[in-house]
Amino acid sequence: MDNRVLVWRRPGEEWTPPCLNPGRGSRLSLMIWGCITYEGVGTITVVTGNINALKYIEIVDNFVWPVIARHFPADNYIYQDDNAPVHRAQIVKDYMEQNQLHGMEWPAQSPDLNIIENMWRKIKIELQKQAHNITTKAQMETAIRDIWTNISLEFIRKLYDSIPRRLMLVIRAKGNITKY
């Protein structure tokens, strides 16, 4: 989260106390992993520590497979991760192959192609609206889970429906940045 606070002010007021944010002590942060499907939000979980290959495999075991079983009993899915380096570790590739987790190849460093980034942005925007009420990690987690579960199916489906446009724009931009 970028923790930006926007302040409306008149010219010359930038250093007046109401326009300054004194901060609230230490910054709160959580690492969250979540997944979505065309049928709505999937699992979301707080990740403690850094994600390494073994922890990522554990996340897949505990949180991806149940979503696949619930939403894709006919095995008709394509799994897309965010292409982080840990997802490309050989042990992860071996795990995916051994367990027949149907993934996809796509370019690294391309958040404009990954619709989950739009979900995280939406969560950050909604969380920022509640920032004044959140003082602990537990409160932050509760707020994030509440926001997550209340994201509309319409919003998620619009993201999925935008994928062909995203691909076309990236092709037209010859791999450069797009509006997404």
C-alpha atoms as a PDB file:
ATOM      1  CA  MET A   1       0.000   0.000   0.000  1.00  0.00           C
ATOM      2  CA  ASP A   2       1.287   3.458  -0.746  1.00  0.00           C
ATOM      3  CA  ASN A   3      -0.391   5.069   2.313  1.00  0.00           C
ATOM      4  CA  ARG A   4      -0.921   8.315   0.461  1.00  0.00           C
ATOM      5  CA  VAL A   5      -3.301  10.789   2.039  1.00  0.00           C
ATOM      6  CA  LEU A   6      -4.785  13.335  -0.306  1.00  0.00           C
ATOM      7  CA  VAL A   7      -5.531  16.783   1.084  1.00  0.00           C
ATOM      8  CA  TRP A   8      -7.550  19.523  -0.565  1.00  0.00           C
ATOM      9  CA  ARG A   9      -5.926  22.862   0.096  1.00  0.00           C
ATOM     10  CA  ARG A  10      -5.690  26.368  -1.262  1.00  0.00           C
ATOM     11  CA  PRO A  11      -2.447  27.833  -2.631  1.00  0.00           C
ATOM     12  CA  GLY A  12      -0.165  28.874   0.232  1.00  0.00           C
ATOM     13  CA  GLU A  13      -1.734  26.445   2.761  1.00  0.00           C
ATOM     14  CA  GLU A  14       0.634  23.527   2.193  1.00  0.00           C
ATOM     15  CA  TRP A  15       2.459  24.057   5.511  1.00  0.00           C
ATOM     16  CA  THR A  16      -0.553  24.754   7.724  1.00  0.00           C
ATOM     17  CA  PRO A  17      -1.265  22.072  10.352  1.00  0.00           C
ATOM     18  CA  PRO A  18      -4.563  20.863   8.855  1.00  0.00           C
ATOM     19  CA  CYS A  19      -2.745  20.136   5.575  1.00  0.00           C
ATOM     20  CA  LEU A  20       0.089  18.185   7.157  1.00  0.00           C
ATOM     21  CA  ASN A  21      -0.140  14.520   8.071  1.00  0.00           C
ATOM     22  CA  PRO A  22       1.886  13.965  11.245  1.00  0.00           C
ATOM     23  CA  GLY A  23       1.666  10.197  10.773  1.00  0.00           C
ATOM     24  CA  ARG A  24       0.419   7.656  13.258  1.00  0.00           C
ATOM     25  CA  GLY A  25       3.572   5.968  14.422  1.00  0.00           C
ATOM     26  CA  SER A  26       4.728   2.753  12.842  1.00  0.00           C
ATOM     27  CA  ARG A  27       3.436   1.759   9.456  1.00  0.00           C
ATOM     28  CA  LEU A  28       1.205  -1.296   9.240  1.00  0.00           C
ATOM     29  CA  SER A  29       1.679  -3.772   6.450  1.00  0.00           C
ATOM     30  CA  LEU A  30       0.517  -7.261   5.607  1.00  0.00           C
ATOM     31  CA  MET A  31       1.476  -9.584   2.808  1.00  0.00           C
ATOM     32  CA  ILE A  32      -1.702 -10.965   1.304  1.00  0.00           C
ATOM     33  CA  TRP A  33      -2.175 -13.758  -1.209  1.00  0.00           C
ATOM     34  CA  GLY A  34      -5.484 -14.138  -2.966  1.00  0.00           C
ATOM     35  CA  CYS A  35      -7.047 -15.569  -6.083  1.00  0.00           C
ATOM     36  CA  ILE A  36     -10.103 -14.835  -8.176  1.00  0.00           C
ATOM     37  CA  THR A  37     -12.157 -16.709 -10.731  1.00  0.00           C
ATOM     38  CA  TYR A  38     -14.792 -15.664 -13.219  1.00  0.00           C
ATOM     39  CA  GLU A  39     -17.268 -16.890 -10.591  1.00  0.00           C
ATOM     40  CA  GLY A  40     -16.022 -14.445  -7.972  1.00  0.00           C
ATOM     41  CA  VAL A  41     -13.407 -14.075  -5.286  1.00  0.00           C
ATOM     42  CA  GLY A  42     -11.487 -17.126  -4.249  1.00  0.00           C
ATOM     43  CA  THR A  43      -9.377 -17.629  -1.200  1.00  0.00           C
ATOM     44  CA  ILE A  44      -7.426 -14.878   0.525  1.00  0.00           C
ATOM     45  CA  THR A  45      -4.807 -15.410   3.204  1.00  0.00           C
ATOM     46  CA  VAL A  46      -2.211 -13.480   5.135  1.00  0.00           C
ATOM     47  CA  VAL A  47       1.331 -14.655   4.444  1.00  0.00           C
ATOM     48  CA  THR A  48       3.791 -14.436   7.290  1.00  0.00           C
ATOM     49  CA  GLY A  49       7.377 -13.720   6.406  1.00  0.00           C
ATOM     50  CA  ASN A  50       8.694 -13.753   2.889  1.00  0.00           C
ATOM     51  CA  ILE A  51       7.436 -16.096   0.216  1.00  0.00           C
ATOM     52  CA  ASN A  52       9.985 -18.610  -0.943  1.00  0.00           C
ATOM     53  CA  ALA A  53       9.383 -21.559  -3.267  1.00  0.00           C
ATOM     54  CA  LEU A  54       8.350 -23.942  -0.484  1.00  0.00           C
ATOM     55  CA  LYS A  55       5.945 -21.433   1.036  1.00  0.00           C
ATOM     56  CA  TYR A  56       4.427 -20.792  -2.389  1.00  0.00           C
ATOM     57  CA  ILE A  57       3.876 -24.525  -2.887  1.00  0.00           C
ATOM     58  CA  GLU A  58       2.213 -24.615   0.542  1.00  0.00           C
ATOM     59  CA  ILE A  59      -0.079 -21.742  -0.499  1.00  0.00           C
ATOM     60  CA  VAL A  60      -1.023 -23.586  -3.693  1.00  0.00           C
ATOM     61  CA  ASP A  61      -1.721 -26.765  -1.712  1.00  0.00           C
ATOM     62  CA  ASN A  62      -3.842 -25.029   0.899  1.00  0.00           C
ATOM     63  CA  PHE A  63      -5.586 -22.304  -1.097  1.00  0.00           C
ATOM     64  CA  VAL A  64      -5.487 -22.910  -4.860  1.00  0.00           C
ATOM     65  CA  TRP A  65      -6.585 -26.526  -5.047  1.00  0.00           C
ATOM     66  CA  PRO A  66      -9.773 -25.958  -3.014  1.00  0.00           C
ATOM     67  CA  VAL A  67     -10.768 -23.126  -5.391  1.00  0.00           C
ATOM     68  CA  ILE A  68     -10.072 -25.324  -8.413  1.00  0.00           C
ATOM     69  CA  ALA A  69     -12.089 -28.182  -6.904  1.00  0.00           C
ATOM     70  CA  ARG A  70     -15.023 -25.864  -6.148  1.00  0.00           C
ATOM     71  CA  HIS A  71     -15.140 -23.885  -9.387  1.00  0.00           C
ATOM     72  CA  PHE A  72     -13.530 -26.205 -11.952  1.00  0.00           C
ATOM     73  CA  PRO A  73     -14.581 -29.800 -11.282  1.00  0.00           C
ATOM     74  CA  ALA A  74     -14.207 -30.562 -15.005  1.00  0.00           C
ATOM     75  CA  ASP A  75     -10.536 -29.491 -14.817  1.00  0.00           C
ATOM     76  CA  ASN A  76     -11.218 -26.653 -17.298  1.00  0.00           C
ATOM     77  CA  TYR A  77      -9.062 -23.903 -15.842  1.00  0.00           C
ATOM     78  CA  ILE A  78      -5.866 -22.037 -16.570  1.00  0.00           C
ATOM     79  CA  TYR A  79      -3.928 -20.895 -13.523  1.00  0.00           C
ATOM     80  CA  GLN A  80      -2.214 -17.514 -13.807  1.00  0.00           C
ATOM     81  CA  ASP A  81       0.126 -16.321 -11.106  1.00  0.00           C
ATOM     82  CA  ASP A  82       1.784 -12.915 -10.941  1.00  0.00           C
ATOM     83  CA  ASN A  83       5.014 -14.212 -12.465  1.00  0.00           C
ATOM     84  CA  ALA A  84       7.135 -13.431  -9.404  1.00  0.00           C
ATOM     85  CA  PRO A  85      10.606 -15.023  -9.514  1.00  0.00           C
ATOM     86  CA  VAL A  86       9.677 -17.467  -6.741  1.00  0.00           C
ATOM     87  CA  HIS A  87       6.901 -18.829  -8.968  1.00  0.00           C
ATOM     88  CA  ARG A  88       9.524 -19.719 -11.577  1.00  0.00           C
ATOM     89  CA  ALA A  89      11.803 -21.654  -9.211  1.00  0.00           C
ATOM     90  CA  GLN A  90      12.574 -25.146 -10.485  1.00  0.00           C
ATOM     91  CA  ILE A  91      10.996 -26.804  -7.438  1.00  0.00           C
ATOM     92  CA  VAL A  92       7.767 -24.908  -8.157  1.00  0.00           C
ATOM     93  CA  LYS A  93       7.855 -25.839 -11.848  1.00  0.00           C
ATOM     94  CA  ASP A  94       8.365 -29.484 -10.873  1.00  0.00           C
ATOM     95  CA  TYR A  95       5.491 -29.298  -8.393  1.00  0.00           C
ATOM     96  CA  MET A  96       3.172 -27.765 -11.012  1.00  0.00           C
ATOM     97  CA  GLU A  97       4.076 -30.457 -13.532  1.00  0.00           C
ATOM     98  CA  GLN A  98       3.770 -33.354 -11.057  1.00  0.00           C
ATOM     99  CA  ASN A  99       0.402 -32.102  -9.822  1.00  0.00           C
ATOM    100  CA  GLN A 100      -0.846 -31.092 -13.272  1.00  0.00           C
ATOM    101  CA  LEU A 101      -1.582 -27.521 -12.261  1.00  0.00           C
ATOM    102  CA  HIS A 102      -2.462 -26.024 -15.628  1.00  0.00           C
ATOM    103  CA  GLY A 103      -0.612 -22.744 -15.787  1.00  0.00           C
ATOM    104  CA  MET A 104       0.226 -20.408 -18.585  1.00  0.00           C
ATOM    105  CA  GLU A 105       3.344 -18.797 -19.951  1.00  0.00           C
ATOM    106  CA  TRP A 106       3.299 -15.024 -20.117  1.00  0.00           C
ATOM    107  CA  PRO A 107       5.844 -12.214 -19.999  1.00  0.00           C
ATOM    108  CA  ALA A 108       7.525 -11.202 -16.770  1.00  0.00           C
ATOM    109  CA  GLN A 109       7.047  -7.672 -15.485  1.00  0.00           C
ATOM    110  CA  SER A 110       3.628  -7.321 -17.118  1.00  0.00           C
ATOM    111  CA  PRO A 111       1.096  -6.319 -14.466  1.00  0.00           C
ATOM    112  CA  ASP A 112      -1.094  -4.813 -17.177  1.00  0.00           C
ATOM    113  CA  LEU A 113      -1.933  -8.390 -18.224  1.00  0.00           C
ATOM    114  CA  ASN A 114      -2.707  -9.650 -14.733  1.00  0.00           C
ATOM    115  CA  ILE A 115      -6.160  -8.666 -13.529  1.00  0.00           C
ATOM    116  CA  ILE A 116      -5.406  -9.495  -9.891  1.00  0.00           C
ATOM    117  CA  GLU A 117      -3.399  -6.255  -9.821  1.00  0.00           C
ATOM    118  CA  ASN A 118      -6.655  -4.392 -10.357  1.00  0.00           C
ATOM    119  CA  MET A 119      -8.130  -6.236  -7.379  1.00  0.00           C
ATOM    120  CA  TRP A 120      -5.226  -5.193  -5.157  1.00  0.00           C
ATOM    121  CA  ARG A 121      -5.622  -1.594  -6.305  1.00  0.00           C
ATOM    122  CA  LYS A 122      -9.332  -1.656  -5.490  1.00  0.00           C
ATOM    123  CA  ILE A 123      -8.579  -3.073  -2.049  1.00  0.00           C
ATOM    124  CA  LYS A 124      -5.939  -0.399  -1.405  1.00  0.00           C
ATOM    125  CA  ILE A 125      -8.323   2.382  -2.394  1.00  0.00           C
ATOM    126  CA  GLU A 126     -11.089   1.019  -0.163  1.00  0.00           C
ATOM    127  CA  LEU A 127      -8.655   0.384   2.689  1.00  0.00           C
ATOM    128  CA  GLN A 128      -7.350   3.946   2.465  1.00  0.00           C
ATOM    129  CA  LYS A 129     -10.897   5.185   3.136  1.00  0.00           C
ATOM    130  CA  GLN A 130     -10.804   3.284   6.438  1.00  0.00           C
ATOM    131  CA  ALA A 131      -7.186   4.070   7.366  1.00  0.00           C
ATOM    132  CA  HIS A 132      -8.176   6.392  10.206  1.00  0.00           C
ATOM    133  CA  ASN A 133      -9.912   3.458  11.971  1.00  0.00           C
ATOM    134  CA  ILE A 134      -7.129   0.918  11.519  1.00  0.00           C
ATOM    135  CA  THR A 135      -4.404   0.850  14.156  1.00  0.00           C
ATOM    136  CA  THR A 136      -3.463  -2.852  14.344  1.00  0.00           C
ATOM    137  CA  LYS A 137      -2.603  -5.592  11.881  1.00  0.00           C
ATOM    138  CA  ALA A 138      -5.625  -7.552  13.072  1.00  0.00           C
ATOM    139  CA  GLN A 139      -7.892  -4.611  12.198  1.00  0.00           C
ATOM    140  CA  MET A 140      -6.180  -4.292   8.840  1.00  0.00           C
ATOM    141  CA  GLU A 141      -6.669  -7.979   8.094  1.00  0.00           C
ATOM    142  CA  THR A 142     -10.341  -7.792   9.054  1.00  0.00           C
ATOM    143  CA  ALA A 143     -10.848  -4.744   6.844  1.00  0.00           C
ATOM    144  CA  ILE A 144      -9.082  -6.384   3.892  1.00  0.00           C
ATOM    145  CA  ARG A 145     -11.138  -9.566   4.244  1.00  0.00           C
ATOM    146  CA  ASP A 146     -14.331  -7.519   4.401  1.00  0.00           C
ATOM    147  CA  ILE A 147     -13.401  -5.526   1.305  1.00  0.00           C
ATOM    148  CA  TRP A 148     -12.380  -8.725  -0.509  1.00  0.00           C
ATOM    149  CA  THR A 149     -15.624 -10.552   0.182  1.00  0.00           C
ATOM    150  CA  ASN A 150     -17.677  -7.542  -0.890  1.00  0.00           C
ATOM    151  CA  ILE A 151     -16.061  -7.073  -4.290  1.00  0.00           C
ATOM    152  CA  SER A 152     -18.853  -7.559  -6.759  1.00  0.00           C
ATOM    153  CA  LEU A 153     -19.030 -10.376  -9.254  1.00  0.00           C
ATOM    154  CA  GLU A 154     -19.754  -7.727 -11.886  1.00  0.00           C
ATOM    155  CA  PHE A 155     -16.406  -6.009 -11.173  1.00  0.00           C
ATOM    156  CA  ILE A 156     -14.506  -9.298 -11.393  1.00  0.00           C
ATOM    157  CA  ARG A 157     -16.225 -10.343 -14.610  1.00  0.00           C
ATOM    158  CA  LYS A 158     -15.442  -6.970 -16.176  1.00  0.00           C
ATOM    159  CA  LEU A 159     -11.783  -7.609 -15.363  1.00  0.00           C
ATOM    160  CA  TYR A 160     -11.913 -11.023 -17.019  1.00  0.00           C
ATOM    161  CA  ASP A 161     -13.782  -9.602 -19.995  1.00  0.00           C
ATOM    162  CA  SER A 162     -11.033  -6.976 -20.379  1.00  0.00           C
ATOM    163  CA  ILE A 163      -8.324  -9.588 -20.999  1.00  0.00           C
ATOM    164  CA  PRO A 164      -8.688  -9.680 -24.816  1.00  0.00           C
ATOM    165  CA  ARG A 165      -8.486  -5.850 -24.911  1.00  0.00           C
ATOM    166  CA  ARG A 166      -5.436  -5.904 -22.656  1.00  0.00           C
ATOM    167  CA  LEU A 167      -3.703  -8.410 -24.898  1.00  0.00           C
ATOM    168  CA  MET A 168      -4.502  -6.396 -28.018  1.00  0.00           C
ATOM    169  CA  LEU A 169      -3.196  -3.185 -26.440  1.00  0.00           C
ATOM    170  CA  VAL A 170       0.051  -4.868 -25.374  1.00  0.00           C
ATOM    171  CA  ILE A 171       0.487  -6.223 -28.903  1.00  0.00           C
ATOM    172  CA  ARG A 172      -0.198  -2.791 -30.388  1.00  0.00           C
ATOM    173  CA  ALA A 173       2.222  -1.215 -27.890  1.00  0.00           C
ATOM    174  CA  LYS A 174       4.824  -3.818 -28.903  1.00  0.00           C
ATOM    175  CA  GLY A 175       5.150  -4.973 -25.326  1.00  0.00           C
ATOM    176  CA  ASN A 176       5.338  -1.512 -23.805  1.00  0.00           C
ATOM    177  CA  ILE A 177       3.131  -0.152 -21.029  1.00  0.00           C
ATOM    178  CA  THR A 178      -0.610   0.147 -21.558  1.00  0.00           C
ATOM    179  CA  LYS A 179      -3.348   1.941 -19.655  1.00  0.00           C
ATOM    180  CA  TYR A 180      -4.012  -1.163 -17.594  1.00  0.00           C
END
